[in-house]
Amino acid sequence: MDVGIRATQDEIKSAYKKQALKFHPDVNQGSKIYEEKFKQVLEAYQTLSDPSKKDLYDLKLFYKSFHHGAGSSNSGNHSPGTPKTRREREKEEYQRRRPEREAYREYKGPPFKERVTVHSAALTLLVLGTVVILFLWLGDLMNHWTAKEHLEQGDFATALQFDDEFSEAYFARFQYRKKFVQNIPVLISDLHKAIRFSDEPKAEWFIERARLYFKMDSINQCKDDFLMAKTLNPTSDTAFYALGEIYAFYIHDPKKALTYYDSTLQVNKDFYPALFGKAYMLYRLKRFPQAISAFNACMKYESNDKRLYFYRGSISLAVGDSISACTDLDQSLTMGMEEAKPLVDSYCSKTRIQSQP
């Protein structure tokens, strides 16, 4: 412990704490040299902290230094009271740092189990995993940009080579194939992938797939795709009208069909097929006054539709208006509606005979 002869007990205690922290074996990985040094520090503190022992130690130190200075002035050692030479100072510094050098040569580092802990290993794996994920993400991003450039040039085949999850490229390939390919499952496969790999699939894709399902007589899948298209695009008159046709002629639910025809007309009031579909559903539901009004509305758009005269004549016949019925049925038969002939033969001939004076 490096303290002066007049050091107080607080200074001695403070110096002891510093030296104890520096040379404690636990701090220095159990080094034997530091353990010995710590024992010396502890012994010095026990001596200096006791006033009687300290006085005796100071007295011995005084006599020792006095005897050393008076005994050999020519021995080459430093005499008290004279300045130290540079060589003497270097020698003292060398001796002072000798324990540190020996401890450094002896030190072999902490045990492996202390250097590599579970937390450090987990942190290392986390960092490596993050780097790998980032690298893969950047690679995918570069491939997608390259694929997008090829698709803008119309080369969907090369685009899919760079990014096999590029939804727009699959739809572009579908549009090209449908001009030449008759294999419906192959076309549906492209639409499947376009929808599957897209974060925001388009209503048009579902409509195209629904039409292919319709050709395969897969009515339920066709209906589901039109429902999805309607959800994605609430202004799609195509989806609403198609659902009306499905419920009218395949599911045979006139009320539901009428609802979808009305929805179609809300989106597009001039959609003639929906106008006719609505009128026909009213006819099937036997809501004759509304059906007559609907067929009359259709006349304003397509007066050459022979079906209008046939159904309007059939309604007039059902409500007992034979004259109006025969007029419309004759007109529809003249326009080529063969379904009108049995009704004309059965009812209109008698009506004409009764109407003659």
Protein backbone atom coordinates (compact mmCIF):
# COMPACT_ATOMS: atom_id res chain seq x y z
CA MET A 1 0.00 0.00 0.00
CA ASP A 2 1.50 3.30 -1.13
CA VAL A 3 0.67 5.81 1.67
CA GLY A 4 2.74 8.43 3.41
CA ILE A 5 4.05 8.19 6.97
CA ARG A 6 1.54 10.80 8.11
CA ALA A 7 -1.46 9.18 6.36
CA THR A 8 -4.73 9.17 8.31
CA GLN A 9 -6.82 6.05 8.92
CA ASP A 10 -9.31 7.14 6.23
CA GLU A 11 -6.52 7.49 3.68
CA ILE A 12 -5.13 4.08 4.68
CA LYS A 13 -8.56 2.50 4.37
CA SER A 14 -9.16 4.12 0.97
CA ALA A 15 -5.77 2.96 -0.32
CA TYR A 16 -6.51 -0.57 0.93
CA LYS A 17 -9.83 -0.72 -0.94
CA LYS A 18 -8.20 0.36 -4.22
CA GLN A 19 -5.38 -2.18 -3.87
CA ALA A 20 -7.79 -4.95 -2.81
CA LEU A 21 -9.97 -4.38 -5.89
CA LYS A 22 -6.90 -4.38 -8.09
CA PHE A 23 -5.27 -7.57 -6.75
CA HIS A 24 -8.27 -9.63 -5.61
CA PRO A 25 -8.02 -13.22 -7.03
CA ASP A 26 -11.65 -13.25 -8.21
CA VAL A 27 -11.01 -10.21 -10.38
CA ASN A 28 -7.84 -11.74 -11.83
CA GLN A 29 -9.20 -15.19 -12.68
CA GLY A 30 -7.58 -16.87 -9.68
CA SER A 31 -4.00 -15.85 -10.58
CA LYS A 32 -1.49 -17.09 -8.00
CA ILE A 33 0.64 -13.97 -8.38
CA TYR A 34 -2.27 -11.67 -7.68
CA GLU A 35 -3.41 -13.91 -4.83
CA GLU A 36 0.02 -13.48 -3.21
CA LYS A 37 -0.06 -9.74 -3.84
CA PHE A 38 -3.54 -9.54 -2.27
CA LYS A 39 -2.24 -11.29 0.85
CA GLN A 40 0.54 -8.69 1.10
CA VAL A 41 -1.97 -5.86 0.77
CA LEU A 42 -4.21 -7.42 3.45
CA GLU A 43 -1.23 -7.89 5.77
CA ALA A 44 -0.12 -4.28 5.22
CA TYR A 45 -3.64 -3.02 5.98
CA GLN A 46 -3.84 -5.05 9.18
CA THR A 47 -0.53 -3.50 10.27
CA LEU A 48 -1.28 0.11 9.26
CA SER A 49 -4.85 0.13 10.55
CA ASP A 50 -3.60 -0.66 14.08
CA PRO A 51 -1.95 2.53 15.48
CA SER A 52 0.49 0.64 17.74
CA LYS A 53 1.58 -1.70 14.96
CA LYS A 54 1.85 1.25 12.56
CA ASP A 55 4.16 3.17 14.92
CA LEU A 56 6.39 0.10 15.32
CA TYR A 57 6.47 -0.43 11.54
CA ASP A 58 7.35 3.25 10.90
CA LEU A 59 10.17 3.00 13.44
CA LYS A 60 11.59 -0.12 11.80
CA LEU A 61 11.33 1.52 8.39
CA PHE A 62 13.19 4.58 9.66
CA TYR A 63 16.07 2.57 11.09
CA LYS A 64 16.28 0.39 7.99
CA SER A 65 16.52 3.37 5.63
CA PHE A 66 19.03 5.09 7.93
CA HIS A 67 21.22 1.99 8.13
CA HIS A 68 21.02 1.43 4.35
CA GLY A 69 22.08 5.03 3.62
CA ALA A 70 24.98 5.04 6.09
CA GLY A 71 26.33 1.57 5.35
CA SER A 72 27.41 1.86 1.72
CA SER A 73 27.65 5.20 0.03
CA ASN A 74 29.72 3.63 -2.76
CA SER A 75 27.54 0.61 -3.44
CA GLY A 76 25.70 2.22 -6.31
CA ASN A 77 22.34 2.46 -4.43
CA HIS A 78 20.43 5.72 -4.16
CA SER A 79 21.31 7.83 -1.10
CA PRO A 80 18.45 9.47 0.80
CA GLY A 81 18.01 13.15 0.13
CA THR A 82 19.67 13.10 -3.30
CA PRO A 83 17.76 13.19 -6.61
CA LYS A 84 17.29 9.84 -8.34
CA THR A 85 18.94 9.27 -11.67
CA ARG A 86 16.97 8.30 -14.77
CA ARG A 87 18.28 4.73 -14.59
CA GLU A 88 17.18 4.44 -10.96
CA ARG A 89 13.72 5.68 -11.81
CA GLU A 90 13.44 3.21 -14.72
CA LYS A 91 14.62 0.36 -12.48
CA GLU A 92 12.00 1.23 -9.83
CA GLU A 93 9.29 1.40 -12.49
CA TYR A 94 10.41 -1.96 -13.87
CA GLN A 95 10.29 -3.54 -10.41
CA ARG A 96 6.89 -1.95 -9.71
CA ARG A 97 5.31 -3.34 -12.88
CA ARG A 98 6.93 -6.76 -12.65
CA PRO A 99 3.89 -8.43 -10.98
CA GLU A 100 1.61 -7.06 -13.70
CA ARG A 101 3.84 -8.47 -16.47
CA GLU A 102 4.03 -11.87 -14.81
CA ALA A 103 0.26 -11.90 -14.29
CA TYR A 104 -0.26 -11.03 -17.97
CA ARG A 105 2.00 -13.89 -19.09
CA GLU A 106 0.18 -16.30 -16.78
CA TYR A 107 -3.33 -15.12 -17.74
CA LYS A 108 -4.99 -17.43 -20.29
CA GLY A 109 -8.39 -15.78 -20.44
CA PRO A 110 -11.69 -16.74 -18.81
CA PRO A 111 -12.94 -20.33 -19.02
CA PHE A 112 -14.79 -21.18 -22.25
CA LYS A 113 -18.08 -21.66 -20.45
CA GLU A 114 -17.86 -18.08 -19.18
CA ARG A 115 -16.88 -16.56 -22.51
CA VAL A 116 -19.63 -18.28 -24.53
CA THR A 117 -22.92 -17.99 -22.67
CA VAL A 118 -26.40 -18.90 -23.78
CA HIS A 119 -27.28 -15.24 -24.20
CA SER A 120 -24.21 -14.45 -26.29
CA ALA A 121 -24.86 -17.49 -28.51
CA ALA A 122 -28.53 -16.50 -28.95
CA LEU A 123 -27.54 -12.94 -29.81
CA THR A 124 -25.01 -14.19 -32.37
CA LEU A 125 -27.60 -16.45 -34.00
CA LEU A 126 -30.11 -13.61 -34.05
CA VAL A 127 -27.66 -11.30 -35.80
CA LEU A 128 -26.68 -13.97 -38.33
CA GLY A 129 -30.34 -14.82 -38.98
CA THR A 130 -31.18 -11.15 -39.50
CA VAL A 131 -28.30 -10.76 -41.96
CA VAL A 132 -29.37 -13.86 -43.92
CA ILE A 133 -33.03 -12.75 -44.04
CA LEU A 134 -32.00 -9.26 -45.14
CA PHE A 135 -29.77 -10.71 -47.86
CA LEU A 136 -32.57 -12.97 -49.15
CA TRP A 137 -35.06 -10.09 -49.07
CA LEU A 138 -32.76 -7.85 -51.07
CA GLY A 139 -32.24 -10.68 -53.60
CA ASP A 140 -36.00 -11.17 -53.99
CA LEU A 141 -36.49 -7.43 -54.35
CA MET A 142 -33.87 -7.19 -57.12
CA ASN A 143 -35.42 -10.19 -58.93
CA HIS A 144 -38.87 -8.59 -58.73
CA TRP A 145 -37.61 -5.32 -60.18
CA THR A 146 -35.96 -7.18 -63.03
CA ALA A 147 -39.13 -9.21 -63.64
CA LYS A 148 -41.20 -6.03 -63.68
CA GLU A 149 -38.93 -4.51 -66.33
CA HIS A 150 -39.34 -7.61 -68.55
CA LEU A 151 -43.12 -7.58 -68.10
CA GLU A 152 -43.27 -3.92 -69.15
CA GLN A 153 -41.56 -5.04 -72.36
CA GLY A 154 -44.21 -7.75 -72.85
CA ASP A 155 -41.86 -10.63 -71.97
CA PHE A 156 -43.88 -12.42 -69.29
CA ALA A 157 -41.89 -15.68 -69.73
CA THR A 158 -38.60 -14.07 -68.67
CA ALA A 159 -40.40 -12.13 -65.95
CA LEU A 160 -41.58 -15.39 -64.40
CA GLN A 161 -38.04 -16.79 -64.55
CA PHE A 162 -36.86 -13.96 -62.29
CA ASP A 163 -39.93 -13.97 -60.04
CA ASP A 164 -42.10 -17.09 -60.01
CA GLU A 165 -44.60 -15.34 -57.71
CA PHE A 166 -45.25 -12.36 -59.98
CA SER A 167 -49.06 -12.24 -60.17
CA GLU A 168 -49.24 -9.67 -62.97
CA ALA A 169 -47.03 -11.87 -65.15
CA TYR A 170 -49.34 -14.86 -64.65
CA PHE A 171 -52.37 -12.82 -65.70
CA ALA A 172 -50.47 -11.52 -68.74
CA ARG A 173 -49.65 -15.11 -69.68
CA PHE A 174 -53.33 -16.04 -69.27
CA GLN A 175 -54.39 -13.24 -71.62
CA TYR A 176 -51.90 -14.46 -74.22
CA ARG A 177 -52.82 -18.13 -73.85
CA LYS A 178 -56.58 -17.70 -74.03
CA LYS A 179 -56.24 -16.59 -77.66
CA PHE A 180 -54.71 -19.92 -78.66
CA VAL A 181 -55.11 -22.48 -75.88
CA GLN A 182 -58.34 -24.48 -75.60
CA ASN A 183 -57.28 -26.34 -72.46
CA ILE A 184 -59.41 -24.68 -69.77
CA PRO A 185 -57.54 -26.16 -66.74
CA VAL A 186 -54.30 -24.64 -68.06
CA LEU A 187 -55.93 -21.23 -68.29
CA ILE A 188 -57.45 -21.59 -64.84
CA SER A 189 -54.00 -22.50 -63.47
CA ASP A 190 -52.60 -19.14 -64.54
CA LEU A 191 -55.52 -17.32 -62.92
CA HIS A 192 -55.10 -19.39 -59.75
CA LYS A 193 -51.48 -18.25 -59.44
CA ALA A 194 -52.27 -14.65 -60.32
CA ILE A 195 -54.85 -14.51 -57.53
CA ARG A 196 -52.79 -16.53 -55.05
CA PHE A 197 -49.60 -14.47 -55.33
CA SER A 198 -51.32 -11.06 -55.36
CA ASP A 199 -51.74 -9.00 -52.21
CA GLU A 200 -54.63 -7.16 -53.90
CA PRO A 201 -56.21 -9.41 -56.57
CA LYS A 202 -58.40 -7.65 -59.10
CA ALA A 203 -62.11 -8.24 -59.69
CA GLU A 204 -61.35 -8.81 -63.38
CA TRP A 205 -59.27 -11.88 -62.53
CA PHE A 206 -62.16 -13.48 -60.64
CA ILE A 207 -64.56 -12.67 -63.48
CA GLU A 208 -62.27 -14.33 -66.01
CA ARG A 209 -61.93 -17.43 -63.85
CA ALA A 210 -65.69 -17.54 -63.24
CA ARG A 211 -66.31 -17.63 -66.99
CA LEU A 212 -63.95 -20.58 -67.32
CA TYR A 213 -65.71 -22.39 -64.49
CA PHE A 214 -69.00 -21.75 -66.26
CA LYS A 215 -67.66 -23.46 -69.38
CA MET A 216 -66.74 -26.43 -67.19
CA ASP A 217 -70.26 -26.47 -65.64
CA SER A 218 -68.73 -25.75 -62.23
CA ILE A 219 -71.62 -23.51 -61.24
CA ASN A 220 -70.81 -23.20 -57.52
CA GLN A 221 -67.20 -22.17 -58.17
CA CYS A 222 -68.45 -19.83 -60.87
CA LYS A 223 -70.88 -18.23 -58.42
CA ASP A 224 -68.21 -17.88 -55.71
CA ASP A 225 -65.85 -16.07 -58.08
CA PHE A 226 -68.56 -13.65 -59.23
CA LEU A 227 -69.41 -12.96 -55.57
CA MET A 228 -65.75 -12.18 -54.89
CA ALA A 229 -65.61 -9.91 -57.95
CA LYS A 230 -68.71 -8.09 -56.68
CA THR A 231 -67.05 -7.61 -53.29
CA LEU A 232 -63.83 -6.27 -54.79
CA ASN A 233 -65.68 -4.01 -57.24
CA PRO A 234 -69.17 -3.00 -56.03
CA THR A 235 -69.75 -1.12 -59.30
CA SER A 236 -69.23 -4.16 -61.54
CA ASP A 237 -72.49 -4.58 -63.50
CA THR A 238 -70.96 -7.69 -65.11
CA ALA A 239 -70.67 -9.48 -61.75
CA PHE A 240 -74.17 -8.51 -60.61
CA TYR A 241 -75.77 -9.54 -63.90
CA ALA A 242 -73.91 -12.87 -63.99
CA LEU A 243 -75.13 -13.67 -60.47
CA GLY A 244 -78.67 -12.84 -61.56
CA GLU A 245 -78.37 -15.29 -64.47
CA ILE A 246 -76.94 -18.02 -62.23
CA TYR A 247 -79.71 -17.71 -59.65
CA ALA A 248 -82.37 -17.45 -62.37
CA PHE A 249 -81.45 -20.39 -64.58
CA TYR A 250 -79.16 -22.69 -62.56
CA ILE A 251 -80.04 -22.31 -58.90
CA HIS A 252 -83.69 -21.52 -59.78
CA ASP A 253 -84.19 -18.83 -57.16
CA PRO A 254 -86.22 -16.06 -58.89
CA LYS A 255 -86.29 -13.79 -55.84
CA LYS A 256 -82.51 -13.83 -55.46
CA ALA A 257 -82.10 -13.38 -59.20
CA LEU A 258 -84.44 -10.37 -59.14
CA THR A 259 -82.30 -8.82 -56.39
CA TYR A 260 -79.14 -9.10 -58.49
CA TYR A 261 -80.88 -7.75 -61.61
CA ASP A 262 -82.01 -4.74 -59.59
CA SER A 263 -78.45 -4.27 -58.29
CA THR A 264 -77.18 -4.36 -61.88
CA LEU A 265 -79.64 -1.64 -62.89
CA GLN A 266 -78.58 0.50 -59.94
CA VAL A 267 -75.07 0.43 -61.31
CA ASN A 268 -76.12 0.74 -64.97
CA LYS A 269 -79.75 1.67 -65.57
CA ASP A 270 -79.41 1.13 -69.34
CA PHE A 271 -78.19 -2.46 -69.07
CA TYR A 272 -80.82 -4.05 -71.32
CA PRO A 273 -80.16 -7.75 -70.46
CA ALA A 274 -80.71 -6.86 -66.79
CA LEU A 275 -83.92 -5.01 -67.70
CA PHE A 276 -85.24 -8.05 -69.51
CA GLY A 277 -84.06 -10.38 -66.71
CA LYS A 278 -85.93 -8.31 -64.14
CA ALA A 279 -89.12 -8.36 -66.22
CA TYR A 280 -88.86 -12.10 -66.77
CA MET A 281 -88.32 -12.78 -63.04
CA LEU A 282 -91.41 -10.70 -62.22
CA TYR A 283 -93.29 -12.80 -64.78
CA ARG A 284 -92.07 -16.03 -63.14
CA LEU A 285 -93.06 -14.74 -59.72
CA LYS A 286 -96.53 -13.92 -61.19
CA ARG A 287 -96.21 -10.29 -60.23
CA PHE A 288 -98.02 -9.43 -63.44
CA PRO A 289 -98.66 -5.66 -63.12
CA GLN A 290 -94.99 -5.04 -62.33
CA ALA A 291 -93.95 -7.44 -65.07
CA ILE A 292 -96.06 -5.57 -67.68
CA SER A 293 -94.42 -2.27 -66.64
CA ALA A 294 -90.96 -3.86 -66.85
CA PHE A 295 -91.60 -5.30 -70.32
CA ASN A 296 -92.92 -1.91 -71.46
CA ALA A 297 -89.69 -0.35 -70.20
CA CYS A 298 -87.75 -2.88 -72.25
CA MET A 299 -89.70 -1.85 -75.37
CA LYS A 300 -88.07 1.60 -75.17
CA TYR A 301 -84.64 0.01 -75.55
CA GLU A 302 -85.28 -2.94 -77.88
CA SER A 303 -88.65 -2.92 -79.62
CA ASN A 304 -87.55 -5.69 -82.02
CA ASP A 305 -87.14 -8.27 -79.29
CA LYS A 306 -89.81 -10.88 -80.07
CA ARG A 307 -89.66 -12.22 -76.53
CA LEU A 308 -91.13 -8.99 -75.19
CA TYR A 309 -94.32 -9.44 -77.21
CA PHE A 310 -94.59 -13.12 -76.30
CA TYR A 311 -94.31 -12.62 -72.53
CA ARG A 312 -96.44 -9.50 -72.51
CA GLY A 313 -99.10 -11.38 -74.51
CA SER A 314 -98.87 -14.33 -72.11
CA ILE A 315 -99.43 -12.01 -69.15
CA SER A 316 -102.42 -10.36 -70.83
CA LEU A 317 -103.85 -13.79 -71.51
CA ALA A 318 -103.36 -14.76 -67.85
CA VAL A 319 -105.23 -11.67 -66.60
CA GLY A 320 -108.08 -12.15 -69.10
CA ASP A 321 -107.22 -9.43 -71.62
CA SER A 322 -107.61 -11.62 -74.73
CA ILE A 323 -107.54 -8.80 -77.28
CA SER A 324 -104.23 -7.34 -76.04
CA ALA A 325 -102.87 -10.85 -75.59
CA CYS A 326 -103.63 -11.90 -79.16
CA THR A 327 -102.19 -8.70 -80.56
CA ASP A 328 -98.84 -9.30 -78.82
CA LEU A 329 -98.84 -13.05 -79.52
CA ASP A 330 -99.53 -12.51 -83.22
CA GLN A 331 -96.69 -10.00 -83.33
CA SER A 332 -94.25 -12.34 -81.64
CA LEU A 333 -95.26 -15.20 -83.97
CA THR A 334 -94.78 -12.95 -86.99
CA MET A 335 -91.28 -12.08 -85.71
CA GLY A 336 -90.44 -15.80 -85.48
CA MET A 337 -91.33 -16.72 -81.88
CA GLU A 338 -92.59 -20.27 -82.50
CA GLU A 339 -93.55 -20.70 -78.84
CA ALA A 340 -96.44 -18.30 -79.52
CA LYS A 341 -98.12 -20.55 -82.12
CA PRO A 342 -99.90 -22.96 -79.70
CA LEU A 343 -101.36 -20.03 -77.77
CA VAL A 344 -102.45 -18.27 -80.95
CA ASP A 345 -104.09 -21.43 -82.23
CA SER A 346 -105.83 -22.17 -78.94
CA TYR A 347 -107.06 -18.77 -77.89
CA CYS A 348 -106.72 -16.16 -80.57
CA SER A 349 -108.79 -17.94 -83.27
CA LYS A 350 -111.81 -18.08 -80.94
CA THR A 351 -111.26 -14.48 -79.94
CA ARG A 352 -111.30 -13.31 -83.56
CA ILE A 353 -114.48 -15.26 -84.31
CA GLN A 354 -116.22 -13.81 -81.25
CA SER A 355 -115.08 -10.29 -82.10
CA GLN A 356 -116.51 -10.43 -85.66
CA PRO A 357 -119.99 -8.72 -86.11
